[in-house]
């Protein structure tokens, strides 16, 4: 089972790759979900964002055997809050 830091890095890197935004911008500026959609070159709407979350959750399952479920989140939610939810869900699943 990965530790908290390993999980955090894995989730950050995986999600960043799926939205095609550098981690320094994505997490350094603590972008909101709406800002992620606007900034990402591959996203046009919230469905694209949900797909990126699903791909990240699927990578967690395939790599670590951890299943997570994310609640519905408003578009003004900062990405740091999403990371916290991912980590909390992973802790419960472990």
C-alpha atoms as a PDB file:
ATOM      1  CA  UNK A   1       0.000   0.000   0.000  1.00  0.00           C
ATOM      2  CA  UNK A   2       1.452   3.388  -0.966  1.00  0.00           C
ATOM      3  CA  UNK A   3       1.911   6.045   1.685  1.00  0.00           C
ATOM      4  CA  UNK A   4       0.123   9.398   1.700  1.00  0.00           C
ATOM      5  CA  UNK A   5       2.916  11.223  -0.163  1.00  0.00           C
ATOM      6  CA  UNK A   6       3.122   8.552  -2.876  1.00  0.00           C
ATOM      7  CA  UNK A   7      -0.640   8.596  -3.393  1.00  0.00           C
ATOM      8  CA  UNK A   8      -0.724  12.379  -3.497  1.00  0.00           C
ATOM      9  CA  UNK A   9       2.072  12.533  -6.079  1.00  0.00           C
ATOM     10  CA  UNK A  10       0.459   9.791  -8.173  1.00  0.00           C
ATOM     11  CA  UNK A  11      -2.949  11.504  -8.189  1.00  0.00           C
ATOM     12  CA  UNK A  12      -1.444  14.926  -8.940  1.00  0.00           C
ATOM     13  CA  UNK A  13       0.712  13.644 -11.789  1.00  0.00           C
ATOM     14  CA  UNK A  14      -2.029  11.491 -13.297  1.00  0.00           C
ATOM     15  CA  UNK A  15      -4.711  14.181 -13.206  1.00  0.00           C
ATOM     16  CA  UNK A  16      -2.282  16.798 -14.525  1.00  0.00           C
ATOM     17  CA  UNK A  17      -1.447  14.538 -17.457  1.00  0.00           C
ATOM     18  CA  UNK A  18      -5.127  13.960 -18.261  1.00  0.00           C
ATOM     19  CA  UNK A  19      -6.013  17.661 -18.259  1.00  0.00           C
ATOM     20  CA  UNK A  20      -2.738  18.638 -19.974  1.00  0.00           C
ATOM     21  CA  UNK A  21      -1.882  21.387 -17.486  1.00  0.00           C
ATOM     22  CA  UNK A  22       1.539  21.528 -15.846  1.00  0.00           C
ATOM     23  CA  UNK A  23       1.360  20.524 -12.158  1.00  0.00           C
ATOM     24  CA  UNK A  24       2.995  23.805 -11.117  1.00  0.00           C
ATOM     25  CA  UNK A  25       0.131  25.744 -12.708  1.00  0.00           C
ATOM     26  CA  UNK A  26      -2.644  23.339 -11.765  1.00  0.00           C
ATOM     27  CA  UNK A  27      -1.728  22.948  -8.101  1.00  0.00           C
ATOM     28  CA  UNK A  28       0.488  25.993  -7.567  1.00  0.00           C
ATOM     29  CA  UNK A  29      -2.342  28.330  -8.483  1.00  0.00           C
ATOM     30  CA  UNK A  30      -4.938  25.986  -6.903  1.00  0.00           C
ATOM     31  CA  UNK A  31      -7.164  26.314  -9.961  1.00  0.00           C
ATOM     32  CA  UNK A  32     -10.910  25.947  -9.617  1.00  0.00           C
ATOM     33  CA  UNK A  33     -12.633  23.269 -11.655  1.00  0.00           C
ATOM     34  CA  UNK A  34     -14.023  25.981 -13.953  1.00  0.00           C
ATOM     35  CA  UNK A  35     -10.512  27.389 -14.448  1.00  0.00           C
ATOM     36  CA  UNK A  36      -9.223  23.906 -15.274  1.00  0.00           C
ATOM     37  CA  UNK A  37     -11.831  23.569 -18.023  1.00  0.00           C
ATOM     38  CA  UNK A  38     -10.918  27.014 -19.356  1.00  0.00           C
ATOM     39  CA  UNK A  39      -7.130  26.470 -19.145  1.00  0.00           C
ATOM     40  CA  UNK A  40      -6.904  22.910 -20.428  1.00  0.00           C
ATOM     41  CA  UNK A  41      -6.274  22.622 -24.164  1.00  0.00           C
ATOM     42  CA  UNK A  42      -8.278  19.397 -24.332  1.00  0.00           C
ATOM     43  CA  UNK A  43     -11.397  20.340 -22.336  1.00  0.00           C
ATOM     44  CA  UNK A  44     -14.527  22.048 -23.548  1.00  0.00           C
ATOM     45  CA  UNK A  45     -17.010  21.302 -20.756  1.00  0.00           C
ATOM     46  CA  UNK A  46     -17.593  19.606 -17.410  1.00  0.00           C
ATOM     47  CA  UNK A  47     -18.063  16.217 -19.078  1.00  0.00           C
ATOM     48  CA  UNK A  48     -14.414  16.352 -20.158  1.00  0.00           C
ATOM     49  CA  UNK A  49     -13.481  17.175 -16.562  1.00  0.00           C
ATOM     50  CA  UNK A  50     -15.472  14.212 -15.241  1.00  0.00           C
ATOM     51  CA  UNK A  51     -13.692  11.952 -17.735  1.00  0.00           C
ATOM     52  CA  UNK A  52     -10.314  13.177 -16.440  1.00  0.00           C
ATOM     53  CA  UNK A  53     -11.412  12.375 -12.879  1.00  0.00           C
ATOM     54  CA  UNK A  54     -12.625   8.940 -13.996  1.00  0.00           C
ATOM     55  CA  UNK A  55      -9.330   8.218 -15.755  1.00  0.00           C
ATOM     56  CA  UNK A  56      -7.432   9.254 -12.635  1.00  0.00           C
ATOM     57  CA  UNK A  57      -9.623   7.032 -10.454  1.00  0.00           C
ATOM     58  CA  UNK A  58      -9.159   4.166 -12.916  1.00  0.00           C
ATOM     59  CA  UNK A  59      -5.375   4.607 -12.811  1.00  0.00           C
ATOM     60  CA  UNK A  60      -5.524   4.397  -9.002  1.00  0.00           C
ATOM     61  CA  UNK A  61      -7.468   1.160  -9.265  1.00  0.00           C
ATOM     62  CA  UNK A  62      -5.149  -0.380 -11.858  1.00  0.00           C
ATOM     63  CA  UNK A  63      -1.913   0.715 -10.197  1.00  0.00           C
ATOM     64  CA  UNK A  64      -2.697   0.359  -6.497  1.00  0.00           C
ATOM     65  CA  UNK A  65      -5.959  -1.613  -6.401  1.00  0.00           C
ATOM     66  CA  UNK A  66      -7.694   1.363  -4.753  1.00  0.00           C
ATOM     67  CA  UNK A  67     -11.255   2.213  -5.752  1.00  0.00           C
ATOM     68  CA  UNK A  68     -12.428   5.771  -5.178  1.00  0.00           C
ATOM     69  CA  UNK A  69     -15.680   7.583  -5.820  1.00  0.00           C
ATOM     70  CA  UNK A  70     -15.927  11.323  -6.083  1.00  0.00           C
ATOM     71  CA  UNK A  71     -19.022  13.281  -5.137  1.00  0.00           C
ATOM     72  CA  UNK A  72     -20.551  15.898  -7.382  1.00  0.00           C
ATOM     73  CA  UNK A  73     -18.555  19.088  -6.950  1.00  0.00           C
ATOM     74  CA  UNK A  74     -19.409  22.668  -7.943  1.00  0.00           C
ATOM     75  CA  UNK A  75     -17.191  24.288 -10.561  1.00  0.00           C
ATOM     76  CA  UNK A  76     -15.824  26.790  -8.038  1.00  0.00           C
ATOM     77  CA  UNK A  77     -14.207  23.935  -6.067  1.00  0.00           C
ATOM     78  CA  UNK A  78     -10.407  24.326  -5.945  1.00  0.00           C
ATOM     79  CA  UNK A  79      -8.308  21.430  -7.189  1.00  0.00           C
ATOM     80  CA  UNK A  80      -6.715  21.118  -3.726  1.00  0.00           C
ATOM     81  CA  UNK A  81     -10.143  20.151  -2.355  1.00  0.00           C
ATOM     82  CA  UNK A  82     -10.518  17.502  -5.073  1.00  0.00           C
ATOM     83  CA  UNK A  83      -7.100  16.103  -4.139  1.00  0.00           C
ATOM     84  CA  UNK A  84      -8.163  15.990  -0.471  1.00  0.00           C
ATOM     85  CA  UNK A  85     -11.302  14.057  -1.434  1.00  0.00           C
ATOM     86  CA  UNK A  86      -9.301  11.607  -3.576  1.00  0.00           C
ATOM     87  CA  UNK A  87      -6.900  11.006  -0.675  1.00  0.00           C
ATOM     88  CA  UNK A  88      -9.710  10.590   1.871  1.00  0.00           C
ATOM     89  CA  UNK A  89     -11.485   8.096  -0.387  1.00  0.00           C
ATOM     90  CA  UNK A  90      -8.229   6.190  -0.899  1.00  0.00           C
ATOM     91  CA  UNK A  91      -7.659   6.026   2.866  1.00  0.00           C
ATOM     92  CA  UNK A  92     -11.145   4.573   3.393  1.00  0.00           C
ATOM     93  CA  UNK A  93     -10.611   2.049   0.580  1.00  0.00           C
ATOM     94  CA  UNK A  94      -7.305   0.899   2.065  1.00  0.00           C
END
